[in-house]
């Protein structure tokens, strides 16, 4: 299955407007250095892949395309292909519930498993009372992505609740959540960060299909996203790691967690069957948005939803990290048409 001509033309026009020779040569040099390739050949191949195979430069690098054959590359999702699927299959109006984290909490109240407060409606007294129940506060900008706009506060550091309330509202951090206590086996890897599981699902109207499985690990910050120093490993259908972890942005790989020393290659998501069951239920709530990337936190009591992303976010294996030379596109094509 291919992207229609209109989508491809728009993509190429956007790429042409943003084209930067230095960006191409920068990526090509890095790839050539890491994989022992000839830089001019890599640069030409990158340009050809961008023009004719829907592959952005960052996709080419992060999926190790320089190390793959043409046939192997065709098994990988790219940012353009994924975005095209999301736009084509998901109803944009219905998808608004995923854009605002407050709306998400309301719609998926049976799945989020934690108390929260909207400072657009709740005043300083309610915030102070909330903090007596939850002394660690997670404050978020309700419309944000990739870990941006997420902050952690300790109630013990607050002496003036009206002033603190005003500060949070002024910063746009109007969503305040109870901090999640994660499962002990996840906390052992990094206790300071909730280490989340990303599952990409597609609901065909009858069945929910899991198309991609990823475990993210933090480094002690409030978020496990790349912007906070996090990394990830791909998972098999049983929730077990398929290789070393990596951030996708460089050639640094993690056979063990760099802080705790626990094995990444031997990692197993706790309560995996419950995680899959949670997604099976959640993916049916908004059937107008069938293609979603879900972030799940596993607590001692079971898994809970963090958020859903109607453009799921691209996570693919890297052959240099795992040895696996096939991506998730066949799993997509087996259950959907775009």
C-alpha atoms as a PDB file:
ATOM      1  CA  UNK A   1       0.000   0.000   0.000  1.00  0.00           C
ATOM      2  CA  UNK A   2       1.255   3.419  -0.906  1.00  0.00           C
ATOM      3  CA  UNK A   3       0.543   7.015   0.001  1.00  0.00           C
ATOM      4  CA  UNK A   4      -1.687   8.784  -2.505  1.00  0.00           C
ATOM      5  CA  UNK A   5      -0.187  11.300  -4.931  1.00  0.00           C
ATOM      6  CA  UNK A   6      -1.662  14.362  -3.224  1.00  0.00           C
ATOM      7  CA  UNK A   7      -0.128  13.490   0.151  1.00  0.00           C
ATOM      8  CA  UNK A   8       3.241  12.747  -1.434  1.00  0.00           C
ATOM      9  CA  UNK A   9       3.294  16.037  -3.383  1.00  0.00           C
ATOM     10  CA  UNK A  10       2.475  18.016  -0.230  1.00  0.00           C
ATOM     11  CA  UNK A  11       5.218  16.175   1.633  1.00  0.00           C
ATOM     12  CA  UNK A  12       7.804  16.859  -1.063  1.00  0.00           C
ATOM     13  CA  UNK A  13       6.840  20.535  -1.149  1.00  0.00           C
ATOM     14  CA  UNK A  14       7.298  20.807   2.621  1.00  0.00           C
ATOM     15  CA  UNK A  15      10.634  19.030   2.393  1.00  0.00           C
ATOM     16  CA  UNK A  16      11.751  21.333  -0.424  1.00  0.00           C
ATOM     17  CA  UNK A  17      10.912  24.435   1.608  1.00  0.00           C
ATOM     18  CA  UNK A  18      12.895  23.127   4.586  1.00  0.00           C
ATOM     19  CA  UNK A  19      15.741  21.623   2.605  1.00  0.00           C
ATOM     20  CA  UNK A  20      19.126  22.237   4.211  1.00  0.00           C
ATOM     21  CA  UNK A  21      22.280  20.897   2.527  1.00  0.00           C
ATOM     22  CA  UNK A  22      24.133  21.094   5.830  1.00  0.00           C
ATOM     23  CA  UNK A  23      21.499  18.881   7.492  1.00  0.00           C
ATOM     24  CA  UNK A  24      21.906  16.246   4.790  1.00  0.00           C
ATOM     25  CA  UNK A  25      25.691  16.258   4.958  1.00  0.00           C
ATOM     26  CA  UNK A  26      25.592  16.280   8.756  1.00  0.00           C
ATOM     27  CA  UNK A  27      23.432  13.155   8.880  1.00  0.00           C
ATOM     28  CA  UNK A  28      25.436  11.524   6.079  1.00  0.00           C
ATOM     29  CA  UNK A  29      28.737  12.096   7.873  1.00  0.00           C
ATOM     30  CA  UNK A  30      27.389  10.682  11.121  1.00  0.00           C
ATOM     31  CA  UNK A  31      25.908   7.620   9.418  1.00  0.00           C
ATOM     32  CA  UNK A  32      29.064   7.033   7.373  1.00  0.00           C
ATOM     33  CA  UNK A  33      31.200   7.273  10.496  1.00  0.00           C
ATOM     34  CA  UNK A  34      28.984   4.941  12.542  1.00  0.00           C
ATOM     35  CA  UNK A  35      28.506   2.306   9.855  1.00  0.00           C
ATOM     36  CA  UNK A  36      31.702   2.516   7.851  1.00  0.00           C
ATOM     37  CA  UNK A  37      30.014   3.804   4.690  1.00  0.00           C
ATOM     38  CA  UNK A  38      31.184   6.276   2.056  1.00  0.00           C
ATOM     39  CA  UNK A  39      29.623   9.629   2.922  1.00  0.00           C
ATOM     40  CA  UNK A  40      28.689  10.810  -0.626  1.00  0.00           C
ATOM     41  CA  UNK A  41      26.919   7.505  -1.302  1.00  0.00           C
ATOM     42  CA  UNK A  42      24.978   7.810   1.950  1.00  0.00           C
ATOM     43  CA  UNK A  43      23.945  11.392   1.122  1.00  0.00           C
ATOM     44  CA  UNK A  44      22.692  10.395  -2.341  1.00  0.00           C
ATOM     45  CA  UNK A  45      20.797   7.436  -0.915  1.00  0.00           C
ATOM     46  CA  UNK A  46      19.183   9.662   1.726  1.00  0.00           C
ATOM     47  CA  UNK A  47      17.995  12.130  -0.907  1.00  0.00           C
ATOM     48  CA  UNK A  48      16.661   9.336  -3.116  1.00  0.00           C
ATOM     49  CA  UNK A  49      14.838   7.748  -0.174  1.00  0.00           C
ATOM     50  CA  UNK A  50      13.279  11.066   0.793  1.00  0.00           C
ATOM     51  CA  UNK A  51      12.092  11.778  -2.751  1.00  0.00           C
ATOM     52  CA  UNK A  52      10.784   8.339  -3.715  1.00  0.00           C
ATOM     53  CA  UNK A  53      10.336   6.223  -0.587  1.00  0.00           C
ATOM     54  CA  UNK A  54       8.617   8.531   1.928  1.00  0.00           C
ATOM     55  CA  UNK A  55      11.648   8.502   4.222  1.00  0.00           C
ATOM     56  CA  UNK A  56      12.623  11.628   6.119  1.00  0.00           C
ATOM     57  CA  UNK A  57      16.327  12.061   6.880  1.00  0.00           C
ATOM     58  CA  UNK A  58      15.748  11.412  10.591  1.00  0.00           C
ATOM     59  CA  UNK A  59      13.820   8.207   9.752  1.00  0.00           C
ATOM     60  CA  UNK A  60      16.672   7.056   7.519  1.00  0.00           C
ATOM     61  CA  UNK A  61      19.108   7.556  10.368  1.00  0.00           C
ATOM     62  CA  UNK A  62      17.031   6.240  13.274  1.00  0.00           C
ATOM     63  CA  UNK A  63      16.024   3.017  11.475  1.00  0.00           C
ATOM     64  CA  UNK A  64      19.571   2.324  10.229  1.00  0.00           C
ATOM     65  CA  UNK A  65      18.459   2.312   6.594  1.00  0.00           C
ATOM     66  CA  UNK A  66      22.083   2.485   5.454  1.00  0.00           C
ATOM     67  CA  UNK A  67      22.545  -1.008   6.887  1.00  0.00           C
ATOM     68  CA  UNK A  68      19.377  -2.455   5.309  1.00  0.00           C
ATOM     69  CA  UNK A  69      18.565  -3.809   1.873  1.00  0.00           C
ATOM     70  CA  UNK A  70      15.814  -2.235  -0.245  1.00  0.00           C
ATOM     71  CA  UNK A  71      13.522  -5.146   0.574  1.00  0.00           C
ATOM     72  CA  UNK A  72      14.152  -4.802   4.306  1.00  0.00           C
ATOM     73  CA  UNK A  73      13.507  -1.052   4.230  1.00  0.00           C
ATOM     74  CA  UNK A  74      10.044  -1.648   2.818  1.00  0.00           C
ATOM     75  CA  UNK A  75       9.053  -3.385   6.060  1.00  0.00           C
ATOM     76  CA  UNK A  76       9.629  -0.210   8.115  1.00  0.00           C
ATOM     77  CA  UNK A  77       7.153   2.496   8.952  1.00  0.00           C
ATOM     78  CA  UNK A  78       8.274   6.094   8.379  1.00  0.00           C
ATOM     79  CA  UNK A  79       7.024   9.347   9.874  1.00  0.00           C
ATOM     80  CA  UNK A  80       5.275  10.302   6.650  1.00  0.00           C
ATOM     81  CA  UNK A  81       3.533   6.949   6.265  1.00  0.00           C
ATOM     82  CA  UNK A  82       2.394   6.944   9.883  1.00  0.00           C
ATOM     83  CA  UNK A  83       1.143  10.527   9.736  1.00  0.00           C
ATOM     84  CA  UNK A  84      -0.715   9.757   6.511  1.00  0.00           C
ATOM     85  CA  UNK A  85      -2.423   6.745   8.137  1.00  0.00           C
ATOM     86  CA  UNK A  86      -3.406   8.775  11.199  1.00  0.00           C
ATOM     87  CA  UNK A  87      -4.879  11.615   9.133  1.00  0.00           C
ATOM     88  CA  UNK A  88      -6.700   9.253   6.779  1.00  0.00           C
ATOM     89  CA  UNK A  89      -8.177   6.895   9.373  1.00  0.00           C
ATOM     90  CA  UNK A  90      -8.733   9.134  12.409  1.00  0.00           C
ATOM     91  CA  UNK A  91     -11.548  11.666  12.594  1.00  0.00           C
ATOM     92  CA  UNK A  92      -9.888  14.991  13.423  1.00  0.00           C
ATOM     93  CA  UNK A  93     -12.858  16.311  15.378  1.00  0.00           C
ATOM     94  CA  UNK A  94     -13.104  13.222  17.542  1.00  0.00           C
ATOM     95  CA  UNK A  95      -9.311  13.222  17.961  1.00  0.00           C
ATOM     96  CA  UNK A  96      -9.496  16.485  19.922  1.00  0.00           C
ATOM     97  CA  UNK A  97     -10.157  14.412  23.035  1.00  0.00           C
ATOM     98  CA  UNK A  98      -6.543  13.232  22.778  1.00  0.00           C
ATOM     99  CA  UNK A  99      -5.072  16.703  22.290  1.00  0.00           C
ATOM    100  CA  UNK A 100      -6.168  18.158  25.626  1.00  0.00           C
ATOM    101  CA  UNK A 101      -5.120  16.064  28.611  1.00  0.00           C
ATOM    102  CA  UNK A 102      -8.057  17.367  30.679  1.00  0.00           C
ATOM    103  CA  UNK A 103     -10.541  16.123  28.076  1.00  0.00           C
ATOM    104  CA  UNK A 104      -8.651  12.846  27.971  1.00  0.00           C
ATOM    105  CA  UNK A 105      -8.998  12.445  31.736  1.00  0.00           C
ATOM    106  CA  UNK A 106     -12.731  13.035  31.540  1.00  0.00           C
ATOM    107  CA  UNK A 107     -13.337  10.666  28.620  1.00  0.00           C
ATOM    108  CA  UNK A 108     -11.050   7.918  29.935  1.00  0.00           C
ATOM    109  CA  UNK A 109     -11.829   8.306  33.627  1.00  0.00           C
ATOM    110  CA  UNK A 110     -12.231   4.540  33.998  1.00  0.00           C
ATOM    111  CA  UNK A 111      -8.680   3.979  32.775  1.00  0.00           C
ATOM    112  CA  UNK A 112      -6.431   6.740  34.166  1.00  0.00           C
ATOM    113  CA  UNK A 113      -6.473   5.564  37.780  1.00  0.00           C
ATOM    114  CA  UNK A 114      -5.427   8.791  39.471  1.00  0.00           C
ATOM    115  CA  UNK A 115      -6.920  11.963  40.912  1.00  0.00           C
ATOM    116  CA  UNK A 116      -6.468  15.219  39.026  1.00  0.00           C
ATOM    117  CA  UNK A 117      -7.380  18.883  39.229  1.00  0.00           C
ATOM    118  CA  UNK A 118      -8.148  21.530  36.608  1.00  0.00           C
ATOM    119  CA  UNK A 119      -6.845  24.861  37.912  1.00  0.00           C
ATOM    120  CA  UNK A 120      -9.065  26.634  35.432  1.00  0.00           C
ATOM    121  CA  UNK A 121     -11.930  25.572  37.682  1.00  0.00           C
ATOM    122  CA  UNK A 122     -10.265  24.849  41.032  1.00  0.00           C
ATOM    123  CA  UNK A 123      -8.915  27.594  43.286  1.00  0.00           C
ATOM    124  CA  UNK A 124      -5.971  27.783  45.725  1.00  0.00           C
ATOM    125  CA  UNK A 125      -7.867  26.141  48.595  1.00  0.00           C
ATOM    126  CA  UNK A 126      -8.752  23.137  46.459  1.00  0.00           C
ATOM    127  CA  UNK A 127      -5.143  22.903  45.301  1.00  0.00           C
ATOM    128  CA  UNK A 128      -3.913  22.953  48.911  1.00  0.00           C
ATOM    129  CA  UNK A 129      -6.421  20.250  49.886  1.00  0.00           C
ATOM    130  CA  UNK A 130      -5.348  18.171  46.885  1.00  0.00           C
ATOM    131  CA  UNK A 131      -1.744  18.435  48.078  1.00  0.00           C
ATOM    132  CA  UNK A 132      -2.626  17.087  51.517  1.00  0.00           C
ATOM    133  CA  UNK A 133      -3.716  13.890  49.773  1.00  0.00           C
ATOM    134  CA  UNK A 134      -0.924  13.913  47.194  1.00  0.00           C
ATOM    135  CA  UNK A 135       2.238  15.629  48.465  1.00  0.00           C
ATOM    136  CA  UNK A 136       4.031  15.120  45.138  1.00  0.00           C
ATOM    137  CA  UNK A 137       2.289  17.118  42.424  1.00  0.00           C
ATOM    138  CA  UNK A 138       2.635  16.538  38.677  1.00  0.00           C
ATOM    139  CA  UNK A 139       1.724  19.771  36.883  1.00  0.00           C
ATOM    140  CA  UNK A 140       1.158  19.729  33.129  1.00  0.00           C
ATOM    141  CA  UNK A 141       0.396  22.020  30.284  1.00  0.00           C
ATOM    142  CA  UNK A 142      -2.740  20.260  29.039  1.00  0.00           C
ATOM    143  CA  UNK A 143      -1.855  20.660  25.358  1.00  0.00           C
ATOM    144  CA  UNK A 144       1.704  19.441  24.912  1.00  0.00           C
ATOM    145  CA  UNK A 145       3.662  16.529  23.430  1.00  0.00           C
ATOM    146  CA  UNK A 146       6.869  14.552  23.835  1.00  0.00           C
ATOM    147  CA  UNK A 147       7.265  15.277  27.537  1.00  0.00           C
ATOM    148  CA  UNK A 148       7.270  19.041  27.110  1.00  0.00           C
ATOM    149  CA  UNK A 149       5.191  20.949  29.646  1.00  0.00           C
ATOM    150  CA  UNK A 150       5.437  18.346  32.437  1.00  0.00           C
ATOM    151  CA  UNK A 151       6.780  19.384  35.841  1.00  0.00           C
ATOM    152  CA  UNK A 152       7.067  17.912  39.328  1.00  0.00           C
ATOM    153  CA  UNK A 153       6.581  19.818  42.589  1.00  0.00           C
ATOM    154  CA  UNK A 154       6.845  18.877  46.250  1.00  0.00           C
ATOM    155  CA  UNK A 155       4.024  20.256  48.382  1.00  0.00           C
ATOM    156  CA  UNK A 156       6.445  20.616  51.293  1.00  0.00           C
ATOM    157  CA  UNK A 157       8.200  23.381  49.330  1.00  0.00           C
ATOM    158  CA  UNK A 158       5.028  25.467  49.005  1.00  0.00           C
ATOM    159  CA  UNK A 159       4.237  27.994  51.723  1.00  0.00           C
ATOM    160  CA  UNK A 160       1.831  30.296  49.870  1.00  0.00           C
ATOM    161  CA  UNK A 161      -0.866  28.353  48.033  1.00  0.00           C
ATOM    162  CA  UNK A 162      -2.590  31.347  46.394  1.00  0.00           C
ATOM    163  CA  UNK A 163       0.773  32.465  45.000  1.00  0.00           C
ATOM    164  CA  UNK A 164       1.616  28.940  43.861  1.00  0.00           C
ATOM    165  CA  UNK A 165      -1.783  28.608  42.180  1.00  0.00           C
ATOM    166  CA  UNK A 166      -1.215  31.909  40.381  1.00  0.00           C
ATOM    167  CA  UNK A 167       2.260  30.786  39.304  1.00  0.00           C
ATOM    168  CA  UNK A 168       1.013  27.519  37.829  1.00  0.00           C
ATOM    169  CA  UNK A 169      -1.818  29.216  35.939  1.00  0.00           C
ATOM    170  CA  UNK A 170       0.559  31.864  34.591  1.00  0.00           C
ATOM    171  CA  UNK A 171       2.863  29.116  33.315  1.00  0.00           C
ATOM    172  CA  UNK A 172      -0.025  27.284  31.680  1.00  0.00           C
ATOM    173  CA  UNK A 173       0.408  24.308  34.030  1.00  0.00           C
ATOM    174  CA  UNK A 174      -3.285  24.123  34.788  1.00  0.00           C
ATOM    175  CA  UNK A 175      -3.569  20.338  34.986  1.00  0.00           C
ATOM    176  CA  UNK A 176      -2.354  18.921  38.308  1.00  0.00           C
ATOM    177  CA  UNK A 177      -2.213  15.165  38.804  1.00  0.00           C
ATOM    178  CA  UNK A 178      -1.550  12.713  41.575  1.00  0.00           C
ATOM    179  CA  UNK A 179       1.915  11.217  41.144  1.00  0.00           C
ATOM    180  CA  UNK A 180       1.841   7.620  39.925  1.00  0.00           C
ATOM    181  CA  UNK A 181       3.455   4.909  42.031  1.00  0.00           C
ATOM    182  CA  UNK A 182       4.849   2.392  39.559  1.00  0.00           C
ATOM    183  CA  UNK A 183       5.238  -1.356  39.869  1.00  0.00           C
ATOM    184  CA  UNK A 184       8.304  -2.357  41.951  1.00  0.00           C
ATOM    185  CA  UNK A 185       9.977  -4.127  39.027  1.00  0.00           C
ATOM    186  CA  UNK A 186       9.806  -0.878  37.001  1.00  0.00           C
ATOM    187  CA  UNK A 187      10.872   1.284  39.931  1.00  0.00           C
ATOM    188  CA  UNK A 188      13.947  -0.924  40.282  1.00  0.00           C
ATOM    189  CA  UNK A 189      15.132   0.303  36.870  1.00  0.00           C
ATOM    190  CA  UNK A 190      14.588   3.985  37.648  1.00  0.00           C
ATOM    191  CA  UNK A 191      12.592   5.002  40.684  1.00  0.00           C
ATOM    192  CA  UNK A 192      12.695   8.713  39.926  1.00  0.00           C
ATOM    193  CA  UNK A 193      10.792   8.385  36.632  1.00  0.00           C
ATOM    194  CA  UNK A 194       7.597   6.574  35.758  1.00  0.00           C
ATOM    195  CA  UNK A 195       8.823   4.191  33.041  1.00  0.00           C
ATOM    196  CA  UNK A 196       5.972   3.898  30.561  1.00  0.00           C
ATOM    197  CA  UNK A 197       4.938   1.382  27.919  1.00  0.00           C
ATOM    198  CA  UNK A 198       3.864   2.638  24.473  1.00  0.00           C
ATOM    199  CA  UNK A 199       1.448   0.438  22.536  1.00  0.00           C
ATOM    200  CA  UNK A 200       0.126   1.392  19.108  1.00  0.00           C
ATOM    201  CA  UNK A 201      -3.310  -0.056  18.416  1.00  0.00           C
ATOM    202  CA  UNK A 202      -5.775  -0.223  15.554  1.00  0.00           C
ATOM    203  CA  UNK A 203      -9.483  -0.912  16.125  1.00  0.00           C
ATOM    204  CA  UNK A 204     -11.108  -2.379  13.019  1.00  0.00           C
ATOM    205  CA  UNK A 205     -14.625  -2.094  14.421  1.00  0.00           C
ATOM    206  CA  UNK A 206     -14.544  -5.579  15.884  1.00  0.00           C
ATOM    207  CA  UNK A 207     -11.042  -6.397  17.082  1.00  0.00           C
ATOM    208  CA  UNK A 208      -8.193  -4.362  18.548  1.00  0.00           C
ATOM    209  CA  UNK A 209      -4.808  -5.084  16.987  1.00  0.00           C
ATOM    210  CA  UNK A 210      -1.535  -4.187  18.706  1.00  0.00           C
ATOM    211  CA  UNK A 211       0.849  -3.057  15.951  1.00  0.00           C
ATOM    212  CA  UNK A 212       3.861  -1.781  17.888  1.00  0.00           C
ATOM    213  CA  UNK A 213       5.171  -2.312  21.425  1.00  0.00           C
ATOM    214  CA  UNK A 214       7.794  -0.199  23.172  1.00  0.00           C
ATOM    215  CA  UNK A 215       9.141   0.166  26.698  1.00  0.00           C
ATOM    216  CA  UNK A 216      10.528   3.564  27.651  1.00  0.00           C
ATOM    217  CA  UNK A 217      13.001   4.155  30.471  1.00  0.00           C
ATOM    218  CA  UNK A 218      13.790   7.394  32.278  1.00  0.00           C
ATOM    219  CA  UNK A 219      16.915   8.726  33.891  1.00  0.00           C
ATOM    220  CA  UNK A 220      15.357  10.282  37.008  1.00  0.00           C
ATOM    221  CA  UNK A 221      13.564  13.238  35.421  1.00  0.00           C
ATOM    222  CA  UNK A 222       9.812  13.836  35.541  1.00  0.00           C
ATOM    223  CA  UNK A 223       9.366  12.210  32.123  1.00  0.00           C
ATOM    224  CA  UNK A 224      10.897   9.246  30.289  1.00  0.00           C
ATOM    225  CA  UNK A 225      10.752  11.024  26.918  1.00  0.00           C
ATOM    226  CA  UNK A 226      13.870  11.674  24.828  1.00  0.00           C
ATOM    227  CA  UNK A 227      13.657  15.362  25.731  1.00  0.00           C
ATOM    228  CA  UNK A 228      14.364  14.355  29.338  1.00  0.00           C
ATOM    229  CA  UNK A 229      17.180  11.939  28.542  1.00  0.00           C
ATOM    230  CA  UNK A 230      15.067   8.816  28.215  1.00  0.00           C
ATOM    231  CA  UNK A 231      15.528   5.850  25.885  1.00  0.00           C
ATOM    232  CA  UNK A 232      13.506   2.844  24.771  1.00  0.00           C
ATOM    233  CA  UNK A 233      13.581  -0.790  23.758  1.00  0.00           C
ATOM    234  CA  UNK A 234      11.225  -2.612  21.400  1.00  0.00           C
ATOM    235  CA  UNK A 235       9.060  -5.395  22.831  1.00  0.00           C
ATOM    236  CA  UNK A 236       7.830  -8.684  21.426  1.00  0.00           C
ATOM    237  CA  UNK A 237       4.201  -9.850  21.579  1.00  0.00           C
ATOM    238  CA  UNK A 238       4.764 -11.155  25.100  1.00  0.00           C
ATOM    239  CA  UNK A 239       6.067  -7.844  26.437  1.00  0.00           C
ATOM    240  CA  UNK A 240       9.707  -8.931  26.548  1.00  0.00           C
ATOM    241  CA  UNK A 241      12.578  -6.790  25.298  1.00  0.00           C
ATOM    242  CA  UNK A 242      13.931  -7.700  21.871  1.00  0.00           C
ATOM    243  CA  UNK A 243      17.366  -6.153  22.365  1.00  0.00           C
ATOM    244  CA  UNK A 244      19.370  -3.261  23.657  1.00  0.00           C
ATOM    245  CA  UNK A 245      17.794   0.092  24.406  1.00  0.00           C
ATOM    246  CA  UNK A 246      18.560   3.287  22.491  1.00  0.00           C
ATOM    247  CA  UNK A 247      17.269   6.819  22.048  1.00  0.00           C
ATOM    248  CA  UNK A 248      17.245   6.657  18.253  1.00  0.00           C
ATOM    249  CA  UNK A 249      19.237   9.874  18.116  1.00  0.00           C
ATOM    250  CA  UNK A 250      22.763   8.474  18.298  1.00  0.00           C
ATOM    251  CA  UNK A 251      24.729   5.236  18.422  1.00  0.00           C
ATOM    252  CA  UNK A 252      24.615   4.904  22.201  1.00  0.00           C
ATOM    253  CA  UNK A 253      23.022   1.600  23.166  1.00  0.00           C
ATOM    254  CA  UNK A 254      22.001   0.254  26.548  1.00  0.00           C
ATOM    255  CA  UNK A 255      22.377  -3.439  27.365  1.00  0.00           C
ATOM    256  CA  UNK A 256      21.755  -2.389  30.968  1.00  0.00           C
ATOM    257  CA  UNK A 257      20.182   0.698  32.458  1.00  0.00           C
ATOM    258  CA  UNK A 258      23.025   3.217  32.867  1.00  0.00           C
ATOM    259  CA  UNK A 259      21.943   4.184  36.391  1.00  0.00           C
ATOM    260  CA  UNK A 260      20.563   1.038  38.018  1.00  0.00           C
ATOM    261  CA  UNK A 261      22.610  -1.486  36.046  1.00  0.00           C
ATOM    262  CA  UNK A 262      19.583  -3.736  35.491  1.00  0.00           C
ATOM    263  CA  UNK A 263      19.391  -5.650  32.221  1.00  0.00           C
ATOM    264  CA  UNK A 264      17.486  -4.048  29.357  1.00  0.00           C
ATOM    265  CA  UNK A 265      17.804  -7.068  27.069  1.00  0.00           C
ATOM    266  CA  UNK A 266      16.182  -9.294  29.715  1.00  0.00           C
ATOM    267  CA  UNK A 267      13.418  -6.815  30.608  1.00  0.00           C
ATOM    268  CA  UNK A 268       9.825  -8.030  30.889  1.00  0.00           C
ATOM    269  CA  UNK A 269       6.841  -5.697  31.279  1.00  0.00           C
ATOM    270  CA  UNK A 270       5.067  -6.670  34.506  1.00  0.00           C
ATOM    271  CA  UNK A 271       1.380  -7.609  34.286  1.00  0.00           C
ATOM    272  CA  UNK A 272       1.678  -7.733  30.487  1.00  0.00           C
ATOM    273  CA  UNK A 273      -1.632  -9.488  29.883  1.00  0.00           C
ATOM    274  CA  UNK A 274      -3.394  -6.817  31.925  1.00  0.00           C
ATOM    275  CA  UNK A 275      -1.671  -4.096  29.881  1.00  0.00           C
ATOM    276  CA  UNK A 276      -2.935  -5.627  26.634  1.00  0.00           C
ATOM    277  CA  UNK A 277      -6.421  -6.061  28.100  1.00  0.00           C
ATOM    278  CA  UNK A 278      -6.467  -2.396  29.155  1.00  0.00           C
ATOM    279  CA  UNK A 279      -5.648  -1.277  25.611  1.00  0.00           C
ATOM    280  CA  UNK A 280      -8.254  -3.613  24.173  1.00  0.00           C
ATOM    281  CA  UNK A 281     -10.889  -1.827  26.248  1.00  0.00           C
ATOM    282  CA  UNK A 282      -9.566   1.716  25.847  1.00  0.00           C
ATOM    283  CA  UNK A 283      -9.212   1.462  22.057  1.00  0.00           C
ATOM    284  CA  UNK A 284     -12.975   0.949  21.759  1.00  0.00           C
ATOM    285  CA  UNK A 285     -13.955   4.134  23.629  1.00  0.00           C
ATOM    286  CA  UNK A 286     -13.544   6.493  20.660  1.00  0.00           C
ATOM    287  CA  UNK A 287     -14.092   4.273  17.595  1.00  0.00           C
ATOM    288  CA  UNK A 288     -13.864   7.323  15.314  1.00  0.00           C
ATOM    289  CA  UNK A 289     -10.157   7.374  16.178  1.00  0.00           C
ATOM    290  CA  UNK A 290      -9.076   3.780  15.542  1.00  0.00           C
ATOM    291  CA  UNK A 291      -5.293   4.330  15.248  1.00  0.00           C
ATOM    292  CA  UNK A 292      -3.731   5.464  18.546  1.00  0.00           C
ATOM    293  CA  UNK A 293      -0.441   5.330  20.410  1.00  0.00           C
ATOM    294  CA  UNK A 294      -1.122   4.743  24.122  1.00  0.00           C
ATOM    295  CA  UNK A 295       1.205   5.471  27.036  1.00  0.00           C
ATOM    296  CA  UNK A 296       0.630   3.085  29.923  1.00  0.00           C
ATOM    297  CA  UNK A 297       2.039   3.064  33.448  1.00  0.00           C
ATOM    298  CA  UNK A 298       1.997  -0.216  35.357  1.00  0.00           C
ATOM    299  CA  UNK A 299       1.258   0.225  39.064  1.00  0.00           C
ATOM    300  CA  UNK A 300       1.242  -2.438  41.797  1.00  0.00           C
ATOM    301  CA  UNK A 301      -2.555  -2.547  41.387  1.00  0.00           C
ATOM    302  CA  UNK A 302      -2.465  -2.815  37.597  1.00  0.00           C
ATOM    303  CA  UNK A 303      -1.915  -0.723  34.463  1.00  0.00           C
ATOM    304  CA  UNK A 304      -3.325   2.788  33.978  1.00  0.00           C
ATOM    305  CA  UNK A 305      -3.428   5.115  30.997  1.00  0.00           C
ATOM    306  CA  UNK A 306      -1.188   8.171  30.910  1.00  0.00           C
ATOM    307  CA  UNK A 307      -2.388   9.516  27.560  1.00  0.00           C
ATOM    308  CA  UNK A 308      -3.291   8.635  23.997  1.00  0.00           C
ATOM    309  CA  UNK A 309      -1.756  10.068  20.830  1.00  0.00           C
ATOM    310  CA  UNK A 310      -3.851  10.108  17.661  1.00  0.00           C
ATOM    311  CA  UNK A 311      -0.589  10.387  15.710  1.00  0.00           C
ATOM    312  CA  UNK A 312       1.025   7.459  17.514  1.00  0.00           C
ATOM    313  CA  UNK A 313       4.703   8.429  17.352  1.00  0.00           C
ATOM    314  CA  UNK A 314       7.241   6.457  15.376  1.00  0.00           C
ATOM    315  CA  UNK A 315       9.201   3.752  17.188  1.00  0.00           C
ATOM    316  CA  UNK A 316      11.042   1.162  15.115  1.00  0.00           C
ATOM    317  CA  UNK A 317      13.808  -1.311  15.783  1.00  0.00           C
ATOM    318  CA  UNK A 318      17.442  -0.494  14.951  1.00  0.00           C
ATOM    319  CA  UNK A 319      19.414  -3.331  13.455  1.00  0.00           C
ATOM    320  CA  UNK A 320      22.584  -2.039  15.147  1.00  0.00           C
ATOM    321  CA  UNK A 321      20.857  -2.338  18.528  1.00  0.00           C
ATOM    322  CA  UNK A 322      18.824  -5.506  18.116  1.00  0.00           C
ATOM    323  CA  UNK A 323      19.960  -7.357  14.997  1.00  0.00           C
ATOM    324  CA  UNK A 324      16.328  -7.368  13.834  1.00  0.00           C
ATOM    325  CA  UNK A 325      16.044  -6.332  10.195  1.00  0.00           C
ATOM    326  CA  UNK A 326      12.277  -5.985   9.813  1.00  0.00           C
ATOM    327  CA  UNK A 327       9.951  -3.225  10.935  1.00  0.00           C
ATOM    328  CA  UNK A 328       6.270  -2.996  11.874  1.00  0.00           C
ATOM    329  CA  UNK A 329       4.804  -2.118   8.474  1.00  0.00           C
ATOM    330  CA  UNK A 330       3.721  -5.714   7.693  1.00  0.00           C
ATOM    331  CA  UNK A 331       1.728  -5.759  10.942  1.00  0.00           C
ATOM    332  CA  UNK A 332      -0.001  -2.539   9.846  1.00  0.00           C
ATOM    333  CA  UNK A 333      -0.716  -3.777   6.330  1.00  0.00           C
ATOM    334  CA  UNK A 334      -2.163  -7.042   7.618  1.00  0.00           C
ATOM    335  CA  UNK A 335      -5.092  -5.284   9.336  1.00  0.00           C
ATOM    336  CA  UNK A 336      -5.608  -1.899   7.662  1.00  0.00           C
ATOM    337  CA  UNK A 337      -5.810  -0.220   4.280  1.00  0.00           C
ATOM    338  CA  UNK A 338      -4.613   3.304   3.620  1.00  0.00           C
END
